[in-house]
Amino acid sequence: MLAALVSIPLLISAVGMERFGALTLIWALLGYLGVLDLGLGRSLVQVVADRIGHAGHDAGGPENKPGADQGGGGTAGIAGPAIALMGAIGLLTGGAVALGAGLLADRFQLDTGTSPDEIRLSLLIAAAIVPIALVSAGLRGVLEAHQRFRPISLVRMTVGVLNYLSPLCVLPFSQSLVPVIAAIAAGRFIGLVGYGVLAVRQMPDLLRPIRWGRQSLRGLFTMSAWMMLNNLVGPAMLYADRFILLSLVPAAMVAFYTTPFELLSRLMVIPGALSLALFPLASSLFRRDPPALGRILDAGGHLTLAVFLAMQAATIVGGEAALGLWLGPAFAANSASVLSILMLGVFFNATAYVPNTLIQSVGRVDVTARLQLAELPVYLGVLWLLAERYGAVGAAAAWSLRTAVDCGLLLVLLPRVAPGTGAVALTIGLRALLAGVAGTAGLLVGGPVGAAISLTGLLAVGLGVAGRLLRTRSWEKLSAPLRKSRAARLIDGTAADRT
């Protein structure tokens, strides 16, 4: 986020609003294509982590040590073929983007200064990033399964910073998009090397294809089939707004929507990091201690509510002023309402992370996939109608409405697949609904009165959330299995390596 705050104004000033609008759409394209891995990345985390956990429990833990494997049927026998397949998918997908670069370039509504050839060459370079992104996701999955979150975070931060700062290095020499995208590609390659070195240190058998086995691959691919639907439909709903806007308004206008969206989307690292750590834990506890899922939802859900209630209030108080200081009064005048509406959607999106993670951790990936398939056509229809009539504001309203409905449905479905979570899900759902009503009422009224209405409602909900956290201290109950897991790794002699 800090890198984006520094680089985006400089990029807009140097390359112009049109090129920056095209750049944000290429970023969106990479974000979508990067998850076309047949669901193998997320499935790899669960299957490898589950295998490590069972092996450590049955054999006293030595399999948890870096590099440990059980011949061809060990963790490397699962991870190796999965990563190789992800690389092949990346090459095919990148090739498809390269073949369609000319057609995609013609879809950009460019008035001056940017030629279709420049967009086409930029897309060709972006196509080369796709296999890099997919192989990186596979290597990262191996590290996540071994709970190597610290080195993962260091590499991800490096790649994220380079994504925004590396284009600044080429601006003194050229204002074309081509070297800008090339600089981003170089940052992605650095990330691939970092993940590769860490994964091989953790699992040396990845470099020995002769030991790749077939055991457990069937379960991996079964789960990945449903995960693939999540990976296809979820990003389609996430990025469809930009491309629909592109077909309705000039590329320069798209930036008034995509810029606050890009900034606010970075806030998803908070529930994303929580879900990343809870996913393997919940999968293991579901078999051994089913009531633990209720504690996970109570702690994770209310902590997420507390954080994003505060962020929503901060946006109401100072969002427009911050935009004006960052990108100028003219930009703020066009984006302030979009920012406020999108923040409401981000609140619901963040609240949905923990129930979504719990549903997937118990092996019911099909539930979230079917839900997204049902939502997609309705969302696209509403998005087109609102974007056509209200432009960027309409697109923001459609996206936020979709996240609110999705959050509510996940909280309704969770107790059906994870018994014992119903009471907590109802509590979280009601508090999120009240916060959403307060935020919407403030937007409709507008002005200082609307802001006061929203802040009053958010304060009331926030007091209830804080009281719940202090009264139940659910995070302490949640930390018990985490402490036991940590102690087990210390006994197994693996903690020193992870530190």
Protein backbone atom coordinates (compact mmCIF):
# COMPACT_ATOMS: atom_id res chain seq x y z
CA MET A 1 0.00 0.00 0.00
CA LEU A 2 2.83 2.42 0.79
CA ALA A 3 4.44 1.63 -2.55
CA ALA A 4 1.13 2.27 -4.31
CA LEU A 5 0.65 5.58 -2.48
CA VAL A 6 4.04 6.74 -3.73
CA SER A 7 3.98 5.38 -7.26
CA ILE A 8 0.41 5.90 -8.53
CA PRO A 9 0.50 9.73 -8.58
CA LEU A 10 3.90 9.65 -10.30
CA LEU A 11 2.69 7.09 -12.84
CA ILE A 12 -0.43 9.12 -13.66
CA SER A 13 1.66 12.26 -14.07
CA ALA A 14 4.25 10.57 -16.26
CA VAL A 15 2.21 8.30 -18.55
CA GLY A 16 -1.14 10.13 -18.51
CA MET A 17 -4.60 9.06 -17.46
CA GLU A 18 -5.22 6.94 -20.58
CA ARG A 19 -2.08 4.82 -20.24
CA PHE A 20 -2.63 4.47 -16.51
CA GLY A 21 -6.19 3.29 -17.12
CA ALA A 22 -4.83 0.70 -19.55
CA LEU A 23 -2.17 -0.29 -16.99
CA THR A 24 -4.78 -0.92 -14.29
CA LEU A 25 -6.70 -3.15 -16.70
CA ILE A 26 -3.56 -5.14 -17.50
CA TRP A 27 -3.03 -5.51 -13.74
CA ALA A 28 -6.59 -6.82 -13.52
CA LEU A 29 -5.98 -9.23 -16.41
CA LEU A 30 -2.89 -10.62 -14.68
CA GLY A 31 -4.82 -10.96 -11.44
CA TYR A 32 -7.47 -13.06 -13.19
CA LEU A 33 -5.18 -15.24 -15.31
CA GLY A 34 -2.89 -15.86 -12.35
CA VAL A 35 -5.53 -18.06 -10.71
CA LEU A 36 -6.25 -20.28 -13.73
CA ASP A 37 -4.38 -23.15 -12.09
CA LEU A 38 -7.24 -25.68 -12.08
CA GLY A 39 -7.51 -25.04 -8.35
CA LEU A 40 -4.24 -26.87 -7.72
CA GLY A 41 -2.63 -24.11 -5.68
CA ARG A 42 -5.17 -24.03 -2.85
CA SER A 43 -5.79 -27.78 -3.00
CA LEU A 44 -2.05 -28.41 -2.73
CA VAL A 45 -1.96 -26.56 0.58
CA GLN A 46 -4.70 -28.71 2.13
CA VAL A 47 -3.53 -32.08 0.81
CA VAL A 48 0.16 -31.59 1.65
CA ALA A 49 -0.60 -30.08 5.08
CA ASP A 50 -3.01 -32.93 5.88
CA ARG A 51 -0.41 -35.51 4.83
CA ILE A 52 2.30 -33.83 6.92
CA GLY A 53 -0.02 -33.72 9.93
CA HIS A 54 -1.02 -37.39 9.65
CA ALA A 55 2.58 -38.47 9.14
CA GLY A 56 3.80 -36.48 12.12
CA HIS A 57 1.02 -37.84 14.34
CA ASP A 58 1.54 -41.46 13.32
CA ALA A 59 5.32 -41.53 13.26
CA GLY A 60 6.27 -39.10 15.98
CA GLY A 61 6.86 -36.10 13.76
CA PRO A 62 10.04 -36.67 11.74
CA GLU A 63 8.16 -36.18 8.49
CA ASN A 64 7.65 -32.57 9.47
CA LYS A 65 11.35 -31.94 9.14
CA PRO A 66 12.48 -30.03 6.08
CA GLY A 67 12.96 -32.28 3.13
CA ALA A 68 11.42 -35.35 4.71
CA ASP A 69 9.49 -37.48 2.28
CA GLN A 70 8.15 -40.97 1.99
CA GLY A 71 9.50 -42.13 -1.28
CA GLY A 72 7.41 -41.54 -4.36
CA GLY A 73 4.23 -41.34 -2.35
CA GLY A 74 5.46 -38.58 0.00
CA THR A 75 4.73 -34.88 -0.11
CA ALA A 76 7.14 -34.28 -2.99
CA GLY A 77 5.35 -37.02 -4.90
CA ILE A 78 2.21 -34.87 -4.66
CA ALA A 79 3.71 -31.41 -4.99
CA GLY A 80 6.07 -32.12 -7.90
CA PRO A 81 3.44 -33.19 -10.46
CA ALA A 82 1.06 -30.45 -9.31
CA ILE A 83 3.64 -27.68 -9.80
CA ALA A 84 4.70 -29.12 -13.16
CA LEU A 85 1.08 -29.17 -14.31
CA MET A 86 0.57 -25.60 -13.12
CA GLY A 87 3.57 -24.54 -15.20
CA ALA A 88 2.11 -26.23 -18.27
CA ILE A 89 -1.24 -24.53 -17.71
CA GLY A 90 0.58 -21.21 -17.40
CA LEU A 91 2.31 -21.70 -20.73
CA LEU A 92 -0.97 -22.55 -22.46
CA THR A 93 -2.82 -19.63 -20.88
CA GLY A 94 -0.02 -17.20 -21.61
CA GLY A 95 0.04 -18.42 -25.20
CA ALA A 96 -3.70 -17.77 -25.48
CA VAL A 97 -3.21 -14.21 -24.19
CA ALA A 98 -0.41 -13.65 -26.67
CA LEU A 99 -2.57 -14.89 -29.56
CA GLY A 100 -5.42 -12.62 -28.51
CA ALA A 101 -3.28 -9.58 -27.76
CA GLY A 102 -4.29 -7.80 -30.95
CA LEU A 103 -8.00 -8.31 -30.32
CA LEU A 104 -7.72 -7.21 -26.70
CA ALA A 105 -5.77 -4.10 -27.69
CA ASP A 106 -8.55 -3.03 -30.05
CA ARG A 107 -11.05 -3.09 -27.15
CA PHE A 108 -9.34 -0.20 -25.36
CA GLN A 109 -11.11 3.13 -26.00
CA LEU A 110 -8.07 5.34 -26.48
CA ASP A 111 -8.42 8.92 -27.69
CA THR A 112 -4.86 10.23 -27.88
CA GLY A 113 -1.27 9.33 -27.23
CA THR A 114 -1.47 5.54 -26.93
CA SER A 115 -1.38 3.31 -30.00
CA PRO A 116 -2.94 -0.16 -30.22
CA ASP A 117 0.56 -1.51 -30.97
CA GLU A 118 1.77 -0.28 -27.61
CA ILE A 119 -1.11 -2.07 -25.86
CA ARG A 120 -0.49 -5.21 -27.93
CA LEU A 121 3.24 -5.34 -27.04
CA SER A 122 2.38 -4.73 -23.38
CA LEU A 123 -0.04 -7.66 -23.45
CA LEU A 124 2.61 -9.90 -25.02
CA ILE A 125 4.92 -9.17 -22.10
CA ALA A 126 2.05 -9.70 -19.67
CA ALA A 127 1.45 -13.11 -21.26
CA ALA A 128 4.95 -14.15 -20.22
CA ILE A 129 4.09 -13.34 -16.59
CA VAL A 130 1.25 -15.91 -16.49
CA PRO A 131 3.39 -19.11 -16.23
CA ILE A 132 5.66 -17.32 -13.75
CA ALA A 133 2.63 -16.51 -11.59
CA LEU A 134 1.25 -20.06 -11.67
CA VAL A 135 4.53 -21.80 -10.83
CA SER A 136 5.08 -19.27 -8.04
CA ALA A 137 1.64 -20.13 -6.65
CA GLY A 138 2.52 -23.83 -6.58
CA LEU A 139 5.82 -23.25 -4.81
CA ARG A 140 4.10 -20.94 -2.36
CA GLY A 141 1.52 -23.65 -1.66
CA VAL A 142 4.29 -26.02 -0.58
CA LEU A 143 5.59 -23.40 1.84
CA GLU A 144 2.13 -22.62 3.20
CA ALA A 145 1.51 -26.31 3.87
CA HIS A 146 4.69 -26.31 5.97
CA GLN A 147 3.52 -23.09 7.70
CA ARG A 148 6.52 -21.09 6.47
CA PHE A 149 4.55 -17.85 6.62
CA ARG A 150 7.42 -15.52 7.47
CA PRO A 151 9.54 -16.19 4.35
CA ILE A 152 6.36 -16.29 2.24
CA SER A 153 5.46 -12.83 3.49
CA LEU A 154 8.93 -11.47 2.80
CA VAL A 155 8.82 -12.67 -0.82
CA ARG A 156 5.25 -11.46 -1.35
CA MET A 157 6.08 -8.04 0.05
CA THR A 158 9.07 -7.79 -2.23
CA VAL A 159 7.03 -8.69 -5.31
CA GLY A 160 4.21 -6.36 -4.27
CA VAL A 161 6.55 -3.41 -3.79
CA LEU A 162 8.30 -4.08 -7.11
CA ASN A 163 4.89 -4.25 -8.82
CA TYR A 164 4.44 -0.53 -8.07
CA LEU A 165 7.97 0.87 -7.73
CA SER A 166 9.78 -0.90 -10.58
CA PRO A 167 7.84 1.04 -13.27
CA LEU A 168 9.20 4.27 -11.76
CA CYS A 169 12.72 3.13 -12.66
CA VAL A 170 11.95 3.18 -16.39
CA LEU A 171 9.98 6.45 -16.48
CA PRO A 172 13.10 8.64 -16.91
CA PHE A 173 13.82 6.77 -20.16
CA SER A 174 10.34 6.15 -21.58
CA GLN A 175 6.67 6.87 -20.91
CA SER A 176 5.53 3.87 -22.93
CA LEU A 177 3.62 1.04 -21.29
CA VAL A 178 5.96 -1.57 -22.79
CA PRO A 179 8.98 -1.00 -20.48
CA VAL A 180 6.60 -0.43 -17.55
CA ILE A 181 5.09 -3.92 -17.98
CA ALA A 182 8.57 -5.34 -18.57
CA ALA A 183 9.69 -3.94 -15.20
CA ILE A 184 6.68 -5.58 -13.52
CA ALA A 185 7.58 -8.88 -15.22
CA ALA A 186 11.12 -8.65 -13.83
CA GLY A 187 9.71 -8.28 -10.32
CA ARG A 188 7.51 -11.35 -10.76
CA PHE A 189 10.52 -13.37 -11.91
CA ILE A 190 12.46 -12.34 -8.81
CA GLY A 191 9.56 -13.66 -6.74
CA LEU A 192 9.63 -16.98 -8.62
CA VAL A 193 13.31 -17.42 -7.82
CA GLY A 194 12.70 -16.61 -4.16
CA TYR A 195 9.86 -19.12 -3.82
CA GLY A 196 11.87 -21.75 -5.69
CA VAL A 197 14.88 -21.48 -3.39
CA LEU A 198 12.72 -21.64 -0.26
CA ALA A 199 10.61 -24.58 -1.51
CA VAL A 200 13.64 -26.65 -2.51
CA ARG A 201 15.25 -26.05 0.87
CA GLN A 202 12.04 -27.21 2.53
CA MET A 203 11.52 -30.18 0.21
CA PRO A 204 14.71 -31.18 -1.69
CA ASP A 205 12.90 -34.05 -3.43
CA LEU A 206 11.16 -31.49 -5.65
CA LEU A 207 14.33 -31.62 -7.77
CA ARG A 208 14.11 -35.40 -8.14
CA PRO A 209 11.31 -36.14 -10.63
CA ILE A 210 12.10 -39.87 -10.48
CA ARG A 211 10.54 -39.90 -7.00
CA TRP A 212 7.25 -38.36 -8.06
CA GLY A 213 4.51 -40.79 -7.12
CA ARG A 214 0.81 -41.20 -7.78
CA GLN A 215 -0.52 -41.77 -4.30
CA SER A 216 -2.98 -39.13 -3.05
CA LEU A 217 -2.99 -37.39 -6.44
CA ARG A 218 -6.60 -38.47 -7.02
CA GLY A 219 -7.77 -36.64 -3.90
CA LEU A 220 -5.76 -33.60 -4.90
CA PHE A 221 -7.31 -33.41 -8.37
CA THR A 222 -10.84 -34.08 -7.07
CA MET A 223 -10.65 -31.14 -4.71
CA SER A 224 -8.91 -28.99 -7.32
CA ALA A 225 -11.80 -29.49 -9.77
CA TRP A 226 -14.18 -27.64 -7.44
CA MET A 227 -11.48 -25.18 -6.46
CA MET A 228 -10.99 -24.44 -10.16
CA LEU A 229 -14.58 -23.26 -10.38
CA ASN A 230 -13.95 -20.94 -7.43
CA ASN A 231 -10.81 -19.65 -9.12
CA LEU A 232 -12.63 -19.03 -12.39
CA VAL A 233 -15.87 -17.53 -11.15
CA GLY A 234 -14.53 -15.55 -8.16
CA PRO A 235 -12.03 -13.42 -10.10
CA ALA A 236 -14.56 -13.05 -12.93
CA MET A 237 -16.88 -11.28 -10.48
CA LEU A 238 -13.94 -9.37 -9.02
CA TYR A 239 -12.66 -7.97 -12.33
CA ALA A 240 -15.76 -7.95 -14.56
CA ASP A 241 -16.62 -4.43 -13.42
CA ARG A 242 -13.49 -2.96 -15.02
CA PHE A 243 -14.02 -4.56 -18.40
CA ILE A 244 -17.73 -3.72 -18.48
CA LEU A 245 -16.87 -0.13 -17.59
CA LEU A 246 -14.25 -0.14 -20.35
CA SER A 247 -16.92 -1.04 -22.90
CA LEU A 248 -19.18 1.79 -21.68
CA VAL A 249 -16.85 4.70 -20.87
CA PRO A 250 -13.42 5.93 -22.07
CA ALA A 251 -10.32 4.35 -20.54
CA ALA A 252 -9.48 7.58 -18.69
CA MET A 253 -12.76 7.35 -16.75
CA VAL A 254 -12.04 3.79 -15.70
CA ALA A 255 -9.15 5.07 -13.58
CA PHE A 256 -11.58 6.93 -11.32
CA TYR A 257 -12.99 3.52 -10.38
CA THR A 258 -9.93 1.27 -10.50
CA THR A 259 -7.64 3.54 -8.47
CA PRO A 260 -9.70 3.50 -5.22
CA PHE A 261 -10.50 -0.17 -5.89
CA GLU A 262 -6.78 -1.03 -6.16
CA LEU A 263 -6.04 0.84 -2.95
CA LEU A 264 -8.91 -0.64 -0.94
CA SER A 265 -8.28 -4.15 -2.25
CA ARG A 266 -4.90 -4.08 -0.48
CA LEU A 267 -6.82 -4.09 2.79
CA MET A 268 -7.80 -7.67 2.01
CA VAL A 269 -4.33 -8.77 3.13
CA ILE A 270 -5.69 -8.55 6.70
CA PRO A 271 -8.48 -11.17 6.49
CA GLY A 272 -6.43 -12.96 3.84
CA ALA A 273 -3.52 -13.47 6.24
CA LEU A 274 -5.90 -14.65 8.96
CA SER A 275 -7.55 -17.12 6.58
CA LEU A 276 -4.18 -18.32 5.34
CA ALA A 277 -3.20 -19.38 8.85
CA LEU A 278 -6.63 -20.74 9.82
CA PHE A 279 -7.16 -22.89 6.73
CA PRO A 280 -4.87 -25.85 7.62
CA LEU A 281 -5.71 -25.49 11.33
CA ALA A 282 -9.45 -25.70 10.76
CA SER A 283 -9.04 -28.63 8.38
CA SER A 284 -7.22 -30.59 11.07
CA LEU A 285 -9.48 -29.59 13.98
CA PHE A 286 -12.67 -30.45 12.09
CA ARG A 287 -11.83 -34.16 12.52
CA ARG A 288 -10.42 -34.02 16.06
CA ASP A 289 -12.39 -31.19 17.71
CA PRO A 290 -15.44 -30.07 15.67
CA PRO A 291 -16.61 -27.43 18.21
CA ALA A 292 -13.33 -25.63 17.58
CA LEU A 293 -14.79 -24.29 14.32
CA GLY A 294 -17.23 -22.22 16.34
CA ARG A 295 -14.36 -20.71 18.32
CA ILE A 296 -12.49 -19.97 15.09
CA LEU A 297 -15.53 -18.23 13.62
CA ASP A 298 -16.18 -16.30 16.85
CA ALA A 299 -12.63 -15.04 17.18
CA GLY A 300 -11.79 -14.53 13.51
CA GLY A 301 -15.18 -13.10 12.55
CA HIS A 302 -15.40 -10.56 15.35
CA LEU A 303 -11.78 -9.48 15.05
CA THR A 304 -12.36 -8.88 11.34
CA LEU A 305 -15.52 -6.90 12.10
CA ALA A 306 -13.66 -4.74 14.62
CA VAL A 307 -10.87 -3.87 12.20
CA PHE A 308 -13.08 -3.07 9.22
CA LEU A 309 -15.67 -1.12 11.20
CA ALA A 310 -12.82 1.19 12.17
CA MET A 311 -11.62 1.39 8.56
CA GLN A 312 -15.10 2.15 7.29
CA ALA A 313 -15.44 4.96 9.84
CA ALA A 314 -12.04 6.35 8.83
CA THR A 315 -13.14 6.39 5.18
CA ILE A 316 -16.31 8.31 6.04
CA VAL A 317 -14.36 10.89 8.06
CA GLY A 318 -11.35 11.46 5.84
CA GLY A 319 -11.68 9.50 2.60
CA GLU A 320 -12.36 12.43 0.26
CA ALA A 321 -9.74 14.63 1.89
CA ALA A 322 -7.15 11.87 1.62
CA LEU A 323 -7.93 11.40 -2.07
CA GLY A 324 -7.56 15.14 -2.62
CA LEU A 325 -4.18 15.26 -0.92
CA TRP A 326 -3.02 12.15 -2.76
CA LEU A 327 -4.23 12.70 -6.32
CA GLY A 328 -5.62 16.23 -6.37
CA PRO A 329 -9.05 17.85 -5.92
CA ALA A 330 -10.23 17.03 -9.45
CA PHE A 331 -9.56 13.32 -9.01
CA ALA A 332 -11.15 13.33 -5.55
CA ALA A 333 -14.29 14.99 -6.91
CA ASN A 334 -14.76 12.11 -9.36
CA SER A 335 -13.70 9.26 -7.02
CA ALA A 336 -14.87 10.20 -3.51
CA SER A 337 -18.34 8.68 -3.83
CA VAL A 338 -16.85 5.60 -5.52
CA LEU A 339 -14.40 5.21 -2.63
CA SER A 340 -17.17 5.36 0.00
CA ILE A 341 -19.36 2.81 -1.79
CA LEU A 342 -16.45 0.44 -2.43
CA MET A 343 -15.40 0.63 1.24
CA LEU A 344 -18.83 -0.67 2.17
CA GLY A 345 -18.31 -3.60 -0.19
CA VAL A 346 -14.82 -4.21 1.21
CA PHE A 347 -16.33 -4.43 4.70
CA PHE A 348 -18.68 -7.24 3.63
CA ASN A 349 -15.97 -8.93 1.58
CA ALA A 350 -13.64 -9.01 4.58
CA THR A 351 -16.40 -10.34 6.85
CA ALA A 352 -16.97 -13.21 4.41
CA TYR A 353 -13.36 -14.43 4.52
CA VAL A 354 -13.55 -16.52 7.70
CA PRO A 355 -16.82 -18.37 6.90
CA ASN A 356 -15.58 -18.99 3.36
CA THR A 357 -12.33 -20.41 4.73
CA LEU A 358 -14.15 -22.68 7.19
CA ILE A 359 -16.44 -24.08 4.49
CA GLN A 360 -13.48 -24.90 2.27
CA SER A 361 -11.34 -26.25 5.12
CA VAL A 362 -13.86 -29.02 5.87
CA GLY A 363 -13.63 -30.18 2.26
CA ARG A 364 -16.86 -28.57 0.99
CA VAL A 365 -15.29 -26.49 -1.75
CA ASP A 366 -18.28 -27.45 -3.89
CA VAL A 367 -20.52 -25.27 -1.69
CA THR A 368 -18.63 -22.06 -2.40
CA ALA A 369 -18.24 -22.97 -6.08
CA ARG A 370 -21.97 -23.54 -6.55
CA LEU A 371 -22.75 -20.33 -4.70
CA GLN A 372 -20.51 -18.29 -6.99
CA LEU A 373 -21.94 -19.95 -10.09
CA ALA A 374 -25.43 -18.94 -8.96
CA GLU A 375 -24.34 -15.37 -8.20
CA LEU A 376 -22.40 -14.72 -11.41
CA PRO A 377 -25.21 -14.19 -13.97
CA VAL A 378 -27.28 -12.11 -11.55
CA TYR A 379 -24.28 -9.94 -10.67
CA LEU A 380 -23.25 -9.36 -14.28
CA GLY A 381 -26.78 -8.29 -15.18
CA VAL A 382 -27.03 -5.85 -12.25
CA LEU A 383 -23.50 -4.59 -12.94
CA TRP A 384 -24.24 -3.83 -16.58
CA LEU A 385 -27.50 -2.01 -15.76
CA LEU A 386 -26.03 0.13 -13.00
CA ALA A 387 -22.74 0.84 -14.80
CA GLU A 388 -24.56 1.82 -17.98
CA ARG A 389 -26.77 4.26 -16.09
CA TYR A 390 -24.47 5.60 -13.37
CA GLY A 391 -20.95 4.85 -14.63
CA ALA A 392 -18.27 4.24 -12.00
CA VAL A 393 -20.69 4.90 -9.12
CA GLY A 394 -23.08 2.28 -10.48
CA ALA A 395 -20.29 -0.27 -10.87
CA ALA A 396 -19.20 0.35 -7.28
CA ALA A 397 -22.77 -0.08 -6.03
CA ALA A 398 -23.20 -3.35 -7.95
CA TRP A 399 -19.94 -4.77 -6.58
CA SER A 400 -20.74 -3.79 -2.99
CA LEU A 401 -24.24 -5.23 -3.24
CA ARG A 402 -22.82 -8.51 -4.51
CA THR A 403 -20.31 -8.77 -1.64
CA ALA A 404 -23.10 -8.13 0.90
CA VAL A 405 -25.29 -10.89 -0.55
CA ASP A 406 -22.32 -13.27 -0.76
CA CYS A 407 -21.38 -12.63 2.87
CA GLY A 408 -24.91 -13.29 4.04
CA LEU A 409 -25.27 -16.52 2.08
CA LEU A 410 -21.95 -17.87 3.35
CA LEU A 411 -23.00 -17.25 6.95
CA VAL A 412 -26.31 -19.05 6.26
CA LEU A 413 -24.62 -22.05 4.61
CA LEU A 414 -21.77 -22.48 7.10
CA PRO A 415 -23.84 -24.14 9.90
CA ARG A 416 -25.10 -26.73 7.40
CA VAL A 417 -21.59 -28.02 6.68
CA ALA A 418 -20.03 -27.24 10.07
CA PRO A 419 -22.51 -27.96 12.88
CA GLY A 420 -22.08 -25.89 16.01
CA THR A 421 -21.36 -22.62 14.21
CA GLY A 422 -24.98 -21.47 13.77
CA ALA A 423 -25.30 -19.15 16.79
CA VAL A 424 -22.02 -17.38 16.09
CA ALA A 425 -22.81 -17.07 12.37
CA LEU A 426 -26.16 -15.46 13.19
CA THR A 427 -24.54 -12.96 15.56
CA ILE A 428 -21.87 -11.96 13.05
CA GLY A 429 -24.43 -11.73 10.25
CA LEU A 430 -26.74 -9.43 12.21
CA ARG A 431 -23.90 -7.11 13.20
CA ALA A 432 -22.61 -6.93 9.62
CA LEU A 433 -26.14 -6.19 8.41
CA LEU A 434 -26.59 -3.34 10.90
CA ALA A 435 -23.26 -1.85 9.89
CA GLY A 436 -24.23 -2.11 6.22
CA VAL A 437 -27.58 -0.42 6.83
CA ALA A 438 -25.86 2.43 8.69
CA GLY A 439 -23.32 2.91 5.91
CA THR A 440 -25.95 2.82 3.17
CA ALA A 441 -28.21 5.27 5.00
CA GLY A 442 -25.33 7.71 5.33
CA LEU A 443 -24.53 7.47 1.62
CA LEU A 444 -28.15 8.08 0.64
CA VAL A 445 -28.56 11.10 2.91
CA GLY A 446 -25.14 12.51 2.07
CA GLY A 447 -23.29 15.47 3.53
CA PRO A 448 -22.42 15.94 7.21
CA VAL A 449 -25.82 14.59 8.29
CA GLY A 450 -25.27 11.37 6.35
CA ALA A 451 -21.78 11.00 7.80
CA ALA A 452 -23.18 11.45 11.32
CA ILE A 453 -25.83 8.79 10.71
CA SER A 454 -23.24 6.31 9.44
CA LEU A 455 -20.78 6.98 12.26
CA THR A 456 -23.47 6.62 14.92
CA GLY A 457 -24.57 3.27 13.53
CA LEU A 458 -20.99 2.02 13.16
CA LEU A 459 -20.19 3.10 16.73
CA ALA A 460 -23.17 1.16 18.08
CA VAL A 461 -22.17 -1.99 16.20
CA GLY A 462 -18.53 -1.51 17.20
CA LEU A 463 -19.41 -1.36 20.88
CA GLY A 464 -21.27 -4.65 20.54
CA VAL A 465 -18.31 -6.27 18.77
CA ALA A 466 -15.84 -4.98 21.36
CA GLY A 467 -18.07 -6.24 24.18
CA ARG A 468 -18.26 -9.67 22.59
CA LEU A 469 -14.49 -9.90 22.21
CA LEU A 470 -13.82 -8.78 25.76
CA ARG A 471 -16.56 -10.97 27.25
CA THR A 472 -15.79 -14.24 25.46
CA ARG A 473 -12.04 -13.75 24.93
CA SER A 474 -12.49 -16.20 22.08
CA TRP A 475 -9.08 -15.49 20.64
CA GLU A 476 -7.54 -17.05 23.77
CA LYS A 477 -9.58 -20.23 23.21
CA LEU A 478 -8.51 -20.22 19.59
CA SER A 479 -4.86 -19.83 20.51
CA ALA A 480 -4.82 -23.07 22.53
CA PRO A 481 -4.54 -25.40 19.51
CA LEU A 482 -2.05 -23.01 17.94
CA ARG A 483 0.15 -23.20 21.05
CA LYS A 484 -0.12 -27.00 21.06
CA SER A 485 0.82 -27.12 17.40
CA ARG A 486 3.81 -24.87 18.05
CA ALA A 487 4.92 -27.01 21.00
CA ALA A 488 4.71 -30.14 18.86
CA ARG A 489 6.97 -28.57 16.25
CA LEU A 490 9.46 -27.59 18.93
CA ILE A 491 9.55 -31.18 20.17
CA ASP A 492 10.03 -32.43 16.61
CA GLY A 493 13.04 -30.16 16.24
CA THR A 494 11.59 -28.17 13.37
CA ALA A 495 10.98 -24.85 15.07
CA ALA A 496 14.55 -23.64 14.67
CA ASP A 497 14.39 -24.02 10.90
CA ARG A 498 11.05 -22.25 10.66
CA THR A 499 12.31 -19.35 12.79
